[in-house]
């Protein structure tokens, strides 16, 4: 079965599917099954899907493009 990695939106605790006493919090990302329950919670904004580590790393380390010097007109 396919899994997705999610964490709760800030300030929320989301019950895990089939385990109402266990919660997903905003502190730790959790791998869960890609089920209708979790997809619905993501669509509602209760859970936030975690971007892949490569995407996060690239975005965090990206440097702005260098400024181009203005050409002097003669």
C-alpha atoms as a PDB file:
ATOM      1  CA  UNK A   1       0.000   0.000   0.000  1.00  0.00           C
ATOM      2  CA  UNK A   2       1.175   3.506  -0.757  1.00  0.00           C
ATOM      3  CA  UNK A   3       2.016   5.857   2.099  1.00  0.00           C
ATOM      4  CA  UNK A   4       2.096   9.623   2.477  1.00  0.00           C
ATOM      5  CA  UNK A   5       3.960  11.676   5.056  1.00  0.00           C
ATOM      6  CA  UNK A   6       1.864  14.244   6.890  1.00  0.00           C
ATOM      7  CA  UNK A   7       1.846  16.427   9.963  1.00  0.00           C
ATOM      8  CA  UNK A   8      -1.023  18.256  11.632  1.00  0.00           C
ATOM      9  CA  UNK A   9      -1.763  21.870  10.834  1.00  0.00           C
ATOM     10  CA  UNK A  10      -0.536  24.295  13.532  1.00  0.00           C
ATOM     11  CA  UNK A  11      -2.617  24.051  16.700  1.00  0.00           C
ATOM     12  CA  UNK A  12      -4.394  20.803  15.738  1.00  0.00           C
ATOM     13  CA  UNK A  13      -4.247  17.188  16.881  1.00  0.00           C
ATOM     14  CA  UNK A  14      -5.716  14.823  14.291  1.00  0.00           C
ATOM     15  CA  UNK A  15      -6.843  11.311  15.330  1.00  0.00           C
ATOM     16  CA  UNK A  16      -5.223   8.457  13.445  1.00  0.00           C
ATOM     17  CA  UNK A  17      -7.482   6.289  11.312  1.00  0.00           C
ATOM     18  CA  UNK A  18      -8.821   3.400  13.419  1.00  0.00           C
ATOM     19  CA  UNK A  19      -6.971   4.639  16.532  1.00  0.00           C
ATOM     20  CA  UNK A  20      -8.971   7.535  18.007  1.00  0.00           C
ATOM     21  CA  UNK A  21      -6.736   7.802  21.078  1.00  0.00           C
ATOM     22  CA  UNK A  22      -3.540   8.269  19.031  1.00  0.00           C
ATOM     23  CA  UNK A  23      -3.034  11.636  17.369  1.00  0.00           C
ATOM     24  CA  UNK A  24      -0.905  13.197  14.660  1.00  0.00           C
ATOM     25  CA  UNK A  25       0.552  16.477  15.879  1.00  0.00           C
ATOM     26  CA  UNK A  26       2.392  19.361  14.277  1.00  0.00           C
ATOM     27  CA  UNK A  27       5.640  18.346  16.012  1.00  0.00           C
ATOM     28  CA  UNK A  28       6.462  15.191  14.045  1.00  0.00           C
ATOM     29  CA  UNK A  29       5.821  14.078  10.470  1.00  0.00           C
ATOM     30  CA  UNK A  30       4.186  10.635  10.280  1.00  0.00           C
ATOM     31  CA  UNK A  31       3.985   8.145   7.401  1.00  0.00           C
ATOM     32  CA  UNK A  32       0.375   6.979   7.005  1.00  0.00           C
ATOM     33  CA  UNK A  33      -1.515   4.924   4.440  1.00  0.00           C
ATOM     34  CA  UNK A  34      -2.779   6.833   1.418  1.00  0.00           C
ATOM     35  CA  UNK A  35      -6.424   6.225   2.334  1.00  0.00           C
ATOM     36  CA  UNK A  36      -9.571   8.252   1.767  1.00  0.00           C
ATOM     37  CA  UNK A  37      -9.559   9.253   5.460  1.00  0.00           C
ATOM     38  CA  UNK A  38      -6.141  10.911   5.299  1.00  0.00           C
ATOM     39  CA  UNK A  39      -6.728  12.404   1.829  1.00  0.00           C
ATOM     40  CA  UNK A  40      -9.936  13.981   3.154  1.00  0.00           C
ATOM     41  CA  UNK A  41      -8.092  15.393   6.187  1.00  0.00           C
ATOM     42  CA  UNK A  42      -5.449  16.878   3.840  1.00  0.00           C
ATOM     43  CA  UNK A  43      -8.179  18.373   1.614  1.00  0.00           C
ATOM     44  CA  UNK A  44      -9.857  19.905   4.693  1.00  0.00           C
ATOM     45  CA  UNK A  45      -6.549  21.448   5.796  1.00  0.00           C
ATOM     46  CA  UNK A  46      -6.295  19.455   9.041  1.00  0.00           C
ATOM     47  CA  UNK A  47      -3.203  17.620   7.800  1.00  0.00           C
ATOM     48  CA  UNK A  48      -0.363  19.082   5.781  1.00  0.00           C
ATOM     49  CA  UNK A  49       1.431  16.832   3.280  1.00  0.00           C
ATOM     50  CA  UNK A  50       5.180  16.882   3.692  1.00  0.00           C
ATOM     51  CA  UNK A  51       7.185  17.827   0.615  1.00  0.00           C
ATOM     52  CA  UNK A  52       9.997  15.490  -0.337  1.00  0.00           C
ATOM     53  CA  UNK A  53      13.319  16.147   1.359  1.00  0.00           C
ATOM     54  CA  UNK A  54      14.964  16.942  -1.977  1.00  0.00           C
ATOM     55  CA  UNK A  55      12.421  19.670  -2.763  1.00  0.00           C
ATOM     56  CA  UNK A  56      12.718  21.165   0.728  1.00  0.00           C
ATOM     57  CA  UNK A  57      16.510  21.115   0.589  1.00  0.00           C
ATOM     58  CA  UNK A  58      16.614  22.743  -2.850  1.00  0.00           C
ATOM     59  CA  UNK A  59      14.176  25.465  -1.807  1.00  0.00           C
ATOM     60  CA  UNK A  60      16.052  26.172   1.419  1.00  0.00           C
ATOM     61  CA  UNK A  61      19.463  26.352  -0.220  1.00  0.00           C
ATOM     62  CA  UNK A  62      18.471  28.154  -3.410  1.00  0.00           C
ATOM     63  CA  UNK A  63      20.368  31.380  -3.936  1.00  0.00           C
ATOM     64  CA  UNK A  64      18.837  34.366  -5.677  1.00  0.00           C
ATOM     65  CA  UNK A  65      19.963  35.031  -9.225  1.00  0.00           C
ATOM     66  CA  UNK A  66      22.864  37.457  -9.469  1.00  0.00           C
ATOM     67  CA  UNK A  67      21.977  40.995 -10.412  1.00  0.00           C
ATOM     68  CA  UNK A  68      22.966  41.899 -13.913  1.00  0.00           C
ATOM     69  CA  UNK A  69      24.915  45.078 -14.437  1.00  0.00           C
ATOM     70  CA  UNK A  70      23.103  47.741 -16.387  1.00  0.00           C
ATOM     71  CA  UNK A  71      24.641  48.389 -19.771  1.00  0.00           C
ATOM     72  CA  UNK A  72      25.772  51.917 -20.323  1.00  0.00           C
ATOM     73  CA  UNK A  73      24.440  53.434 -23.475  1.00  0.00           C
ATOM     74  CA  UNK A  74      27.016  55.372 -25.476  1.00  0.00           C
END
